[in-house]
N, C-alpha and C. Protein backbone atom coordinates (compact mmCIF):
# COMPACT_ATOMS: atom_id res chain seq x y z
N MET A 1 63.54 74.84 52.95
CA MET A 1 63.89 76.39 53.07
C MET A 1 63.38 76.74 54.32
N LYS A 2 62.06 76.32 54.74
CA LYS A 2 61.39 76.98 55.71
C LYS A 2 61.84 76.38 57.09
N LYS A 3 62.66 74.73 56.86
CA LYS A 3 63.09 74.20 57.91
C LYS A 3 64.52 75.18 58.60
N HIS A 4 64.69 75.25 57.48
CA HIS A 4 66.64 75.91 57.44
C HIS A 4 66.30 77.04 58.41
N LEU A 5 65.18 77.88 57.94
CA LEU A 5 64.75 79.05 58.74
C LEU A 5 63.86 78.84 60.09
N LEU A 6 63.56 78.30 60.04
CA LEU A 6 62.80 77.66 61.42
C LEU A 6 64.22 77.74 62.59
N ILE A 7 65.31 76.60 61.82
CA ILE A 7 66.31 76.27 62.99
C ILE A 7 66.82 77.65 63.03
N SER A 8 67.04 78.52 62.43
CA SER A 8 67.87 79.61 62.23
C SER A 8 67.28 80.65 63.58
N LEU A 9 65.81 80.49 63.30
CA LEU A 9 65.02 81.27 63.99
C LEU A 9 65.39 80.79 65.56
N LEU A 10 65.20 79.45 65.94
CA LEU A 10 65.17 78.94 67.44
C LEU A 10 66.56 79.41 67.85
N LEU A 11 67.79 79.16 66.88
CA LEU A 11 68.64 79.63 67.38
C LEU A 11 69.25 81.08 67.72
N CYS A 12 68.42 82.09 67.37
CA CYS A 12 68.39 83.43 67.88
C CYS A 12 67.68 83.30 68.99
N LEU A 13 67.03 82.82 68.74
CA LEU A 13 65.99 83.15 70.27
C LEU A 13 67.05 82.44 71.29
N VAL A 14 67.39 81.34 71.25
CA VAL A 14 68.43 80.62 72.38
C VAL A 14 69.18 81.52 72.45
N TYR A 15 70.30 81.93 71.66
CA TYR A 15 71.45 82.86 71.89
C TYR A 15 70.67 84.41 72.42
N ALA A 16 69.66 84.63 72.43
CA ALA A 16 69.20 85.94 72.86
C ALA A 16 68.76 85.76 74.63
N GLY A 17 68.00 84.44 74.79
CA GLY A 17 68.18 84.32 75.90
C GLY A 17 69.09 83.86 76.76
N SER A 18 69.91 83.56 76.15
CA SER A 18 71.32 83.16 77.15
C SER A 18 72.08 84.70 77.58
N PHE A 19 71.79 85.41 76.09
CA PHE A 19 72.73 86.93 76.53
C PHE A 19 72.01 87.52 77.44
N GLY A 20 70.76 87.61 77.25
CA GLY A 20 69.87 88.10 78.56
C GLY A 20 70.32 87.76 79.79
N GLN A 21 70.30 86.48 79.81
CA GLN A 21 70.49 85.57 81.11
C GLN A 21 71.86 86.63 81.86
N THR A 22 73.20 86.31 81.11
CA THR A 22 74.03 87.32 81.50
C THR A 22 73.75 88.33 82.07
N ARG A 23 72.77 88.96 81.70
CA ARG A 23 72.49 90.62 81.89
C ARG A 23 71.79 90.53 83.49
N HIS A 24 71.12 89.85 83.57
CA HIS A 24 70.25 89.79 84.58
C HIS A 24 70.43 89.87 85.70
N GLY A 25 69.84 90.36 86.68
CA GLY A 25 69.99 90.97 87.86
C GLY A 25 71.07 91.78 88.33
N ASP A 26 71.97 92.04 89.33
CA ASP A 26 72.78 92.86 89.28
C ASP A 26 74.18 93.19 88.58
N SER A 27 74.14 92.25 87.90
CA SER A 27 75.36 91.75 86.88
C SER A 27 75.92 93.04 86.39
N ALA A 28 76.66 93.59 85.98
CA ALA A 28 77.53 94.82 85.10
C ALA A 28 78.84 94.21 84.09
N TRP A 29 78.91 95.40 83.40
CA TRP A 29 79.83 94.98 82.36
C TRP A 29 80.73 95.47 82.74
N TYR A 30 82.06 95.20 82.96
CA TYR A 30 83.42 95.48 83.05
C TYR A 30 84.50 94.98 82.74
N GLU A 31 85.48 95.23 81.88
CA GLU A 31 86.58 94.92 81.34
C GLU A 31 86.32 93.76 80.72
N GLY A 32 85.42 94.13 79.60
CA GLY A 32 85.29 92.57 78.89
C GLY A 32 84.23 91.61 79.07
N ARG A 33 83.53 91.52 80.19
CA ARG A 33 82.52 90.44 80.34
C ARG A 33 81.99 91.22 81.79
N TYR A 34 80.64 90.29 81.76
CA TYR A 34 79.82 90.57 82.96
C TYR A 34 80.37 90.02 84.22
N ARG A 35 80.06 90.91 85.26
CA ARG A 35 80.56 90.65 86.52
C ARG A 35 79.47 90.65 87.75
N SER A 36 79.39 89.69 88.79
CA SER A 36 78.42 89.82 89.81
C SER A 36 78.63 90.83 90.48
N GLN A 37 77.86 91.01 91.23
CA GLN A 37 77.47 92.14 92.24
C GLN A 37 78.68 92.47 93.20
N GLU A 38 79.01 91.00 93.89
CA GLU A 38 79.87 90.69 94.61
C GLU A 38 81.22 91.25 93.75
N GLU A 39 81.85 90.59 92.61
CA GLU A 39 82.82 90.79 92.36
C GLU A 39 82.88 92.49 92.07
N MET A 40 81.95 93.16 91.48
CA MET A 40 81.99 94.63 91.51
C MET A 40 82.49 95.30 92.69
N ASN A 41 81.96 94.71 93.90
CA ASN A 41 81.92 95.39 95.11
C ASN A 41 83.58 94.98 95.50
N ASP A 42 83.88 94.13 95.27
CA ASP A 42 85.56 93.80 95.37
C ASP A 42 86.51 94.90 94.39
N ILE A 43 85.75 95.01 92.97
CA ILE A 43 86.53 95.75 92.21
C ILE A 43 86.63 97.13 93.01
N ARG A 44 85.59 97.86 93.48
CA ARG A 44 85.32 98.98 93.68
C ARG A 44 86.29 99.58 94.60
N LYS A 45 86.67 98.25 96.12
CA LYS A 45 87.21 98.80 97.05
C LYS A 45 88.78 98.65 96.46
N LYS A 46 89.09 97.64 95.56
CA LYS A 46 90.56 97.64 95.18
C LYS A 46 90.76 99.23 94.41
N GLU A 47 89.96 99.30 93.46
CA GLU A 47 90.04 100.73 93.12
C GLU A 47 90.09 101.99 93.95
N ALA A 48 89.34 101.86 95.15
CA ALA A 48 89.44 103.10 95.71
C ALA A 48 90.45 103.00 96.82
N LYS A 49 91.84 101.98 96.57
CA LYS A 49 92.84 101.59 97.54
C LYS A 49 93.96 102.07 96.64
N GLU A 50 93.34 102.19 95.60
CA GLU A 50 94.49 102.49 94.39
C GLU A 50 94.06 103.92 93.83
N LYS A 51 93.10 104.03 93.26
CA LYS A 51 92.89 105.51 92.91
C LYS A 51 92.06 106.66 93.85
N PHE A 52 92.86 107.63 94.05
CA PHE A 52 91.80 108.61 94.97
C PHE A 52 92.31 109.87 94.52
N GLU A 53 91.99 110.85 95.06
CA GLU A 53 92.39 112.08 95.42
C GLU A 53 91.92 112.85 97.03
N SER A 54 93.03 113.46 97.33
CA SER A 54 92.69 113.87 98.92
C SER A 54 92.78 115.34 98.73
N TRP A 55 92.02 116.15 99.23
CA TRP A 55 92.27 117.65 99.43
C TRP A 55 92.26 117.89 101.13
N PHE A 56 93.16 119.10 101.35
CA PHE A 56 93.14 119.88 102.44
C PHE A 56 93.42 118.97 103.88
N MET A 57 94.23 118.53 103.96
CA MET A 57 94.73 117.42 104.79
C MET A 57 95.62 117.98 105.94
N PRO A 58 95.44 118.57 107.44
CA PRO A 58 96.20 119.11 108.02
C PRO A 58 97.53 117.91 108.50
N GLY A 59 98.60 118.30 109.32
CA GLY A 59 99.27 116.98 109.81
C GLY A 59 100.35 117.75 110.89
N LEU A 60 101.12 116.71 111.35
CA LEU A 60 101.89 117.72 112.55
C LEU A 60 103.20 116.47 112.14
N GLY A 61 104.54 116.53 112.52
CA GLY A 61 105.46 115.98 112.46
C GLY A 61 106.84 116.96 113.15
N TYR A 62 108.11 116.27 113.02
CA TYR A 62 108.92 116.70 113.89
C TYR A 62 110.43 116.47 112.98
N SER A 63 110.92 117.82 112.77
CA SER A 63 111.85 117.90 112.08
C SER A 63 113.50 117.98 112.70
N MET A 64 114.54 117.63 112.00
CA MET A 64 115.92 117.77 112.42
C MET A 64 116.47 118.35 111.22
N TYR A 65 117.36 119.50 111.79
CA TYR A 65 118.39 120.25 110.62
C TYR A 65 119.49 121.00 111.28
N GLN A 66 120.67 120.07 110.79
CA GLN A 66 122.00 120.51 110.95
C GLN A 66 122.85 121.12 110.10
N PRO A 67 122.87 122.33 110.18
CA PRO A 67 123.59 123.25 109.15
C PRO A 67 124.93 122.99 108.92
N LYS A 68 126.15 123.50 108.10
CA LYS A 68 127.41 123.17 107.82
C LYS A 68 128.02 123.20 109.18
N LYS A 69 127.85 124.57 109.57
CA LYS A 69 128.61 125.02 110.75
C LYS A 69 127.99 124.74 111.95
N ARG A 70 127.81 123.65 111.88
CA ARG A 70 126.65 123.07 113.33
C ARG A 70 127.69 123.64 114.75
N ASP A 71 129.16 124.01 114.42
CA ASP A 71 129.75 124.54 116.04
C ASP A 71 129.28 125.69 116.44
N SER A 72 129.00 126.68 115.15
CA SER A 72 128.47 128.05 115.54
C SER A 72 126.98 128.01 115.50
N THR A 73 126.20 127.08 115.32
CA THR A 73 124.96 127.36 115.03
C THR A 73 124.11 126.44 115.86
N GLY A 74 124.61 125.19 116.21
CA GLY A 74 124.10 124.17 116.95
C GLY A 74 123.39 123.18 116.20
N LEU A 75 122.53 122.25 116.63
CA LEU A 75 121.52 121.06 115.75
C LEU A 75 120.33 121.98 116.23
N PHE A 76 119.23 122.10 115.12
CA PHE A 76 118.26 122.70 115.25
C PHE A 76 116.92 121.18 115.25
N SER A 77 115.96 121.34 116.16
CA SER A 77 114.96 120.65 115.63
C SER A 77 113.73 121.04 116.52
N GLY A 78 112.38 120.53 115.95
CA GLY A 78 111.39 120.72 116.61
C GLY A 78 109.99 120.09 115.99
N LEU A 79 109.35 120.90 116.18
CA LEU A 79 107.36 120.64 115.33
C LEU A 79 107.47 121.30 114.13
N THR A 80 106.74 120.70 113.16
CA THR A 80 106.61 121.04 111.79
C THR A 80 105.20 121.38 112.19
N VAL A 81 104.25 122.07 111.24
CA VAL A 81 102.95 122.10 111.30
C VAL A 81 102.78 121.86 109.46
N GLU A 82 102.05 120.88 108.95
CA GLU A 82 101.88 120.63 107.62
C GLU A 82 100.60 120.65 107.15
N TYR A 83 100.46 121.09 105.94
CA TYR A 83 98.69 121.09 105.38
C TYR A 83 99.24 120.75 103.95
N LEU A 84 98.58 119.34 103.58
CA LEU A 84 98.29 118.48 102.74
C LEU A 84 97.43 119.57 101.97
N ILE A 85 97.80 120.07 100.52
CA ILE A 85 97.04 120.96 99.82
C ILE A 85 96.36 119.91 98.88
N TYR A 86 97.00 118.99 98.49
CA TYR A 86 96.39 118.13 97.09
C TYR A 86 97.09 116.91 96.95
N ALA A 87 96.88 115.86 97.04
CA ALA A 87 97.63 114.27 96.62
C ALA A 87 96.49 114.03 95.50
N ASN A 88 97.25 112.92 94.77
CA ASN A 88 96.72 112.28 93.88
C ASN A 88 97.32 111.11 93.94
N VAL A 89 96.65 109.54 93.64
CA VAL A 89 97.05 108.52 93.62
C VAL A 89 96.64 107.92 92.77
N ASP A 90 97.30 107.50 91.68
CA ASP A 90 96.89 106.60 90.29
C ASP A 90 97.64 105.51 90.13
N GLN A 91 97.42 104.24 90.75
CA GLN A 91 98.18 102.96 90.44
C GLN A 91 97.58 102.55 88.89
N ASN A 92 98.56 102.30 87.63
CA ASN A 92 97.99 101.56 87.07
C ASN A 92 99.72 101.79 86.06
N ASP A 93 99.64 101.10 85.23
CA ASP A 93 100.65 100.96 84.15
C ASP A 93 101.04 102.06 83.02
N ASP A 94 100.35 103.02 83.32
CA ASP A 94 100.55 104.63 82.33
C ASP A 94 102.06 104.91 83.03
N PRO A 95 102.64 105.29 81.98
CA PRO A 95 104.05 106.41 82.27
C PRO A 95 103.65 107.49 83.58
N GLY A 96 104.63 107.65 84.05
CA GLY A 96 104.31 108.74 85.22
C GLY A 96 104.31 108.02 86.48
N PRO A 97 104.40 108.95 87.71
CA PRO A 97 104.47 108.82 89.00
C PRO A 97 102.88 107.85 89.47
N SER A 98 102.79 107.38 90.41
CA SER A 98 101.14 106.40 90.85
C SER A 98 101.11 107.58 91.86
N HIS A 99 101.99 108.62 93.05
CA HIS A 99 101.81 109.49 94.12
C HIS A 99 102.30 110.71 93.49
N VAL A 100 101.27 111.55 93.93
CA VAL A 100 101.62 113.22 93.90
C VAL A 100 101.36 113.91 94.87
N ARG A 101 102.06 114.54 95.56
CA ARG A 101 101.58 115.42 96.78
C ARG A 101 102.19 116.87 96.66
N VAL A 102 101.15 117.93 96.74
CA VAL A 102 101.36 118.98 96.79
C VAL A 102 101.16 119.77 98.58
N TYR A 103 101.99 120.45 99.40
CA TYR A 103 101.61 120.52 100.90
C TYR A 103 102.71 122.06 101.02
N SER A 104 102.29 122.46 101.95
CA SER A 104 102.91 123.54 102.53
C SER A 104 103.12 123.47 104.17
N LYS A 105 104.24 124.01 104.51
CA LYS A 105 104.24 123.72 106.31
C LYS A 105 105.26 124.75 106.45
N LEU A 106 105.27 124.74 108.23
CA LEU A 106 106.04 125.92 108.92
C LEU A 106 106.75 124.91 110.01
N ASN A 107 108.25 125.13 109.67
CA ASN A 107 109.00 124.36 111.18
C ASN A 107 109.32 125.50 111.99
N ILE A 108 109.13 125.12 113.69
CA ILE A 108 109.54 125.73 114.77
C ILE A 108 110.66 125.04 115.17
N LEU A 109 111.93 125.59 114.95
CA LEU A 109 112.96 124.85 115.17
C LEU A 109 113.97 125.19 116.53
N ASN A 110 114.22 124.74 117.47
CA ASN A 110 115.03 125.31 118.13
C ASN A 110 116.29 124.44 118.24
N SER A 111 117.28 125.81 118.71
CA SER A 111 119.21 125.02 118.47
C SER A 111 119.19 124.51 119.91
N ASP A 112 120.20 123.33 119.78
CA ASP A 112 120.74 122.70 121.26
C ASP A 112 121.80 123.85 121.68
N ARG A 113 121.77 125.14 121.49
CA ARG A 113 122.67 125.85 121.99
C ARG A 113 121.71 126.94 122.57
N LYS A 114 122.03 127.54 123.50
CA LYS A 114 121.08 128.28 124.65
C LYS A 114 121.16 129.79 123.94
N SER A 115 122.55 130.07 123.21
CA SER A 115 122.22 131.40 122.46
C SER A 115 122.02 131.61 121.63
N ILE A 116 121.96 130.25 120.78
CA ILE A 116 121.01 130.49 119.47
C ILE A 116 119.55 130.79 119.54
N ASN A 117 118.93 131.73 118.98
CA ASN A 117 117.74 131.83 118.82
C ASN A 117 116.98 131.01 118.18
N SER A 118 115.64 130.67 118.20
CA SER A 118 114.84 129.77 117.24
C SER A 118 114.76 130.06 116.04
N MET A 119 114.76 129.20 115.12
CA MET A 119 114.51 129.05 113.39
C MET A 119 113.06 129.07 112.90
N PHE A 120 112.82 129.45 111.95
CA PHE A 120 111.28 129.31 111.14
C PHE A 120 111.73 128.95 110.03
N MET A 121 111.08 127.72 109.35
CA MET A 121 111.34 127.88 107.76
C MET A 121 109.97 127.24 107.40
N TYR A 122 109.66 128.11 106.24
CA TYR A 122 108.36 128.26 105.98
C TYR A 122 108.52 127.69 104.18
N THR A 123 107.86 126.75 103.85
CA THR A 123 108.01 126.32 102.57
C THR A 123 106.71 125.65 101.54
N ILE A 124 106.45 125.50 100.45
CA ILE A 124 105.52 124.72 99.79
C ILE A 124 106.53 123.53 99.00
N GLY A 125 105.97 122.26 99.05
CA GLY A 125 106.67 121.04 98.30
C GLY A 125 105.96 120.52 97.40
N LEU A 126 106.64 119.64 96.59
CA LEU A 126 105.75 118.84 95.61
C LEU A 126 106.91 117.75 96.14
N ASP A 127 105.89 116.47 95.76
CA ASP A 127 106.91 114.99 95.61
C ASP A 127 106.19 114.12 94.99
N LEU A 128 106.96 113.21 94.15
CA LEU A 128 106.52 112.20 93.14
C LEU A 128 106.93 110.86 93.48
N SER A 129 105.97 109.94 93.31
CA SER A 129 106.89 108.58 93.56
C SER A 129 107.64 108.07 92.38
N LEU A 130 108.61 106.95 92.91
CA LEU A 130 109.31 106.50 91.91
C LEU A 130 108.86 105.58 91.08
N GLU A 131 107.86 104.88 91.58
CA GLU A 131 106.98 103.76 90.67
C GLU A 131 105.37 104.15 90.18
N LYS A 132 105.19 103.54 89.31
CA LYS A 132 104.15 104.28 88.57
C LYS A 132 102.71 103.40 88.65
N ASN A 133 103.35 101.78 89.61
CA ASN A 133 101.77 101.00 89.75
C ASN A 133 102.84 100.02 90.77
N PRO A 134 102.88 100.31 92.22
CA PRO A 134 103.42 99.85 93.38
C PRO A 134 102.45 98.68 93.55
N LYS A 135 100.97 98.88 93.49
CA LYS A 135 99.93 97.74 93.73
C LYS A 135 99.97 97.53 95.07
N ARG A 136 100.41 98.46 95.81
CA ARG A 136 100.60 98.69 97.64
C ARG A 136 100.29 100.14 98.02
N GLN A 137 99.69 99.97 99.71
CA GLN A 137 99.82 101.15 100.17
C GLN A 137 100.76 102.02 101.46
N PHE A 138 101.71 101.26 101.13
CA PHE A 138 102.96 101.31 102.07
C PHE A 138 104.44 101.09 101.50
N LEU A 139 105.23 102.16 101.89
CA LEU A 139 106.58 101.85 101.80
C LEU A 139 106.83 102.27 100.21
N ILE A 140 106.25 103.17 99.94
CA ILE A 140 106.38 103.83 98.62
C ILE A 140 107.68 105.00 98.27
N PRO A 141 108.67 104.74 97.43
CA PRO A 141 109.69 105.83 97.78
C PRO A 141 109.21 106.83 96.64
N TYR A 142 109.61 108.08 97.31
CA TYR A 142 109.38 109.32 96.36
C TYR A 142 110.80 110.32 96.25
N PHE A 143 110.62 111.15 95.52
CA PHE A 143 111.62 112.51 95.32
C PHE A 143 110.88 113.82 95.52
N GLY A 144 111.39 114.63 95.52
CA GLY A 144 111.02 115.81 95.38
C GLY A 144 111.62 117.32 95.85
N VAL A 145 110.76 118.30 96.00
CA VAL A 145 111.45 119.49 96.47
C VAL A 145 110.84 120.45 97.11
N GLU A 146 111.68 121.45 97.87
CA GLU A 146 110.58 122.09 98.77
C GLU A 146 111.34 123.76 98.73
N MET A 147 110.41 124.40 98.45
CA MET A 147 110.84 125.83 98.05
C MET A 147 110.39 126.95 99.34
N GLY A 148 111.24 127.97 100.07
CA GLY A 148 110.52 128.79 101.21
C GLY A 148 111.54 129.87 101.65
N GLY A 149 111.30 130.07 102.44
CA GLY A 149 112.13 130.72 103.52
C GLY A 149 112.59 130.43 104.63
N ILE A 150 113.67 131.51 105.40
CA ILE A 150 114.24 130.63 106.28
C ILE A 150 114.20 131.78 107.29
N SER A 151 114.27 131.95 108.56
CA SER A 151 114.50 132.89 109.19
C SER A 151 115.01 133.02 110.42
N GLN A 152 116.11 133.77 111.06
CA GLN A 152 116.59 133.67 112.27
C GLN A 152 117.31 134.81 112.81
N LYS A 153 117.03 135.12 114.04
CA LYS A 153 117.33 136.38 114.52
C LYS A 153 119.05 136.77 114.27
N GLN A 154 120.20 135.94 114.43
CA GLN A 154 121.32 135.92 114.40
C GLN A 154 121.70 135.58 113.03
N PHE A 155 121.17 135.22 112.12
CA PHE A 155 121.60 134.89 110.85
C PHE A 155 120.90 135.61 109.71
N GLY A 156 119.95 136.16 110.55
CA GLY A 156 118.87 137.04 109.12
C GLY A 156 117.97 136.11 108.47
N SER A 157 117.39 136.43 107.45
CA SER A 157 116.48 135.84 106.46
C SER A 157 116.73 135.68 105.31
N GLY A 158 115.99 134.83 104.47
CA GLY A 158 116.31 134.28 103.01
C GLY A 158 115.78 133.48 102.36
N ILE A 159 115.71 132.97 101.00
CA ILE A 159 115.33 131.88 100.48
C ILE A 159 116.04 130.98 100.43
N GLN A 160 115.60 129.83 100.49
CA GLN A 160 116.04 128.57 100.53
C GLN A 160 115.42 127.66 99.58
N PHE A 161 115.69 126.37 99.06
CA PHE A 161 115.04 125.23 98.57
C PHE A 161 116.09 123.89 98.98
N THR A 162 115.16 122.59 99.03
CA THR A 162 115.66 121.78 99.23
C THR A 162 115.45 120.49 98.76
N PRO A 163 116.22 119.96 97.82
CA PRO A 163 115.69 118.67 97.10
C PRO A 163 115.51 117.63 98.25
N THR A 164 114.37 116.72 98.04
CA THR A 164 114.19 115.76 99.08
C THR A 164 113.99 114.43 98.35
N PHE A 165 113.92 113.44 99.27
CA PHE A 165 114.19 111.77 98.97
C PHE A 165 113.23 111.19 100.16
N GLY A 166 112.13 110.65 100.39
CA GLY A 166 111.54 109.92 100.92
C GLY A 166 110.78 108.45 101.11
N LEU A 167 110.04 108.15 101.74
CA LEU A 167 109.08 107.03 101.57
C LEU A 167 108.07 107.30 102.34
N HIS A 168 106.68 107.02 101.46
CA HIS A 168 105.37 107.16 102.30
C HIS A 168 105.37 105.43 102.75
N LEU A 169 105.39 105.95 104.37
CA LEU A 169 105.06 104.57 105.06
C LEU A 169 103.54 103.98 105.21
N LEU A 170 102.92 105.23 104.83
CA LEU A 170 101.27 104.64 104.89
C LEU A 170 100.62 105.54 103.78
N SER A 171 99.96 105.02 102.76
CA SER A 171 99.24 106.13 101.97
C SER A 171 97.99 105.65 101.70
N LYS A 172 97.03 106.75 102.30
CA LYS A 172 95.62 106.05 102.07
C LYS A 172 94.71 107.38 102.01
N LYS A 173 93.44 107.03 101.61
CA LYS A 173 92.76 108.75 101.12
C LYS A 173 92.75 109.35 102.35
N ASN A 174 92.66 109.08 103.57
CA ASN A 174 92.08 109.91 104.93
C ASN A 174 93.63 109.89 105.67
N MET A 175 94.94 109.28 105.30
CA MET A 175 96.21 109.40 106.09
C MET A 175 97.13 108.86 105.02
N PHE A 176 98.35 110.20 105.58
CA PHE A 176 99.51 109.81 105.08
C PHE A 176 100.47 109.77 105.94
N ILE A 177 101.48 108.78 105.91
CA ILE A 177 102.13 108.80 107.17
C ILE A 177 104.00 108.94 106.35
N ASN A 178 104.61 109.83 106.88
CA ASN A 178 105.78 109.93 105.79
C ASN A 178 107.15 110.31 106.55
N ILE A 179 108.03 110.05 105.79
CA ILE A 179 109.64 110.31 106.39
C ILE A 179 110.23 110.53 105.44
N HIS A 180 111.01 111.81 105.09
CA HIS A 180 111.85 112.09 104.04
C HIS A 180 113.21 113.10 104.58
N GLY A 181 114.22 113.02 103.76
CA GLY A 181 115.17 113.84 104.02
C GLY A 181 115.76 114.62 103.19
N GLY A 182 116.62 115.85 103.19
CA GLY A 182 117.16 116.42 101.81
C GLY A 182 118.26 117.34 102.24
N TYR A 183 118.89 118.17 101.35
CA TYR A 183 119.94 119.03 101.57
C TYR A 183 119.33 120.60 101.73
N VAL A 184 119.25 121.29 102.71
CA VAL A 184 118.85 122.88 102.46
C VAL A 184 120.16 123.72 101.80
N TYR A 185 119.37 124.30 100.83
CA TYR A 185 120.26 125.34 100.11
C TYR A 185 119.89 126.48 100.24
N PRO A 186 120.46 127.80 101.32
CA PRO A 186 120.10 128.73 101.80
C PRO A 186 121.09 129.39 100.40
N ILE A 187 120.08 130.85 100.13
CA ILE A 187 120.83 131.78 99.44
C ILE A 187 121.46 132.47 100.06
N ARG A 188 121.35 133.08 101.29
CA ARG A 188 122.16 133.90 102.42
C ARG A 188 122.74 133.01 102.91
N ASN A 189 123.72 133.28 103.58
CA ASN A 189 124.51 132.97 104.45
C ASN A 189 124.72 131.01 104.20
N PHE A 190 124.84 130.70 102.61
CA PHE A 190 125.05 129.58 102.22
C PHE A 190 126.27 128.69 103.07
N GLU A 191 127.47 129.36 103.40
CA GLU A 191 128.79 128.22 103.65
C GLU A 191 127.93 127.85 105.06
N MET A 192 127.40 128.75 105.79
CA MET A 192 127.36 128.42 107.47
C MET A 192 125.79 127.47 107.63
N LEU A 193 124.90 127.85 106.56
CA LEU A 193 123.17 127.21 107.05
C LEU A 193 123.02 126.11 105.91
N GLN A 194 124.17 125.85 105.00
CA GLN A 194 123.18 124.56 104.25
C GLN A 194 123.73 123.44 105.07
N GLY A 195 122.96 122.51 104.87
CA GLY A 195 122.69 121.20 105.71
C GLY A 195 122.01 120.46 105.48
N TRP A 196 122.07 119.32 106.03
CA TRP A 196 121.03 118.09 106.10
C TRP A 196 119.71 118.38 106.98
N TYR A 197 118.63 117.86 106.59
CA TYR A 197 117.62 118.28 106.77
C TYR A 197 116.60 116.91 106.79
N GLY A 198 115.78 116.66 108.03
CA GLY A 198 115.31 115.42 107.90
C GLY A 198 113.85 115.50 108.50
N GLN A 199 112.83 114.94 108.19
CA GLN A 199 111.36 115.04 108.76
C GLN A 199 110.78 113.64 108.76
N ALA A 200 110.04 113.25 109.82
CA ALA A 200 108.75 112.11 110.03
C ALA A 200 107.18 113.00 110.42
N GLY A 201 106.52 112.90 109.87
CA GLY A 201 105.03 113.44 109.89
C GLY A 201 103.82 112.40 109.17
N LEU A 202 102.92 113.38 109.69
CA LEU A 202 101.70 112.71 108.93
C LEU A 202 100.43 113.76 108.83
N ASN A 203 99.93 113.34 107.78
CA ASN A 203 98.30 114.27 107.42
C ASN A 203 97.26 113.25 107.47
N PHE A 204 96.22 113.62 108.15
CA PHE A 204 95.06 113.03 108.55
C PHE A 204 93.85 113.72 108.09
N ALA A 205 92.78 113.24 107.76
CA ALA A 205 91.44 113.92 107.37
C ALA A 205 90.61 114.05 108.93
N LEU A 206 89.84 114.85 108.88
CA LEU A 206 89.74 115.58 110.27
C LEU A 206 88.16 114.66 109.92
N TRP A 207 87.60 114.66 109.18
CA TRP A 207 86.20 114.19 108.61
C TRP A 207 86.16 113.01 107.38
C-alpha cells in the first residue's frame, strides 16, 4: 500500500515538474498550448496585419465624372480631398466583411468645356469588403455607397447618392490605396447629370 502511494507521489512530482518546465521562461499559453517568445512575436505581427483599427487619416485622389448629357456638360475631372474617419480590419472566419471604412470627401471637378463652370461634390461614404477572411493586404474587393451633395453654377445644387464598387489595392493600418467606381444618381437634373464616376486615391497616417 505504501509502495503504491510512494509511486503515485513520485509520478505526481514528475508530472508537476514537466508541467512547470512548459511554463518556464518567456513561454505563453495561446490557442491550446504554450508557445515560445519567438512564436508569440510572429503571431503578434500576423495579428497586427489582420486585425486593426485606423482613425482620422487624410488622403488625396483624382476623380472623373461623366454625366449622361456629356455633349452639354462635358467630362469632369479633378482633385479629391478625402478624410478617412474610421476603418476596421478584422480578418477571421466569422460572418461579415473583413474590411469596413467610413470616410468623407470633397471633389473639385473641372469640365473639359471652357464654358462650363467647376463642379463641387461633397459626400460621406461607407464601404464593406466582399470577403470575410482574405488573409492578405492587397487586391481586396469591396462595395459601398456615397451620399452627399452636388453643386454647379449652370445646373444648380442638389442631393446625390452613388453606389460604388472597388478594390483596396493596399490595406494597412497606416495606409489605404483604393480605386473605385460607381453611378451617380442626382435628385435634381436627373436626366442630365446621372452618370459614371471613378476615383483613385490613398489615405495615409501623418504619424
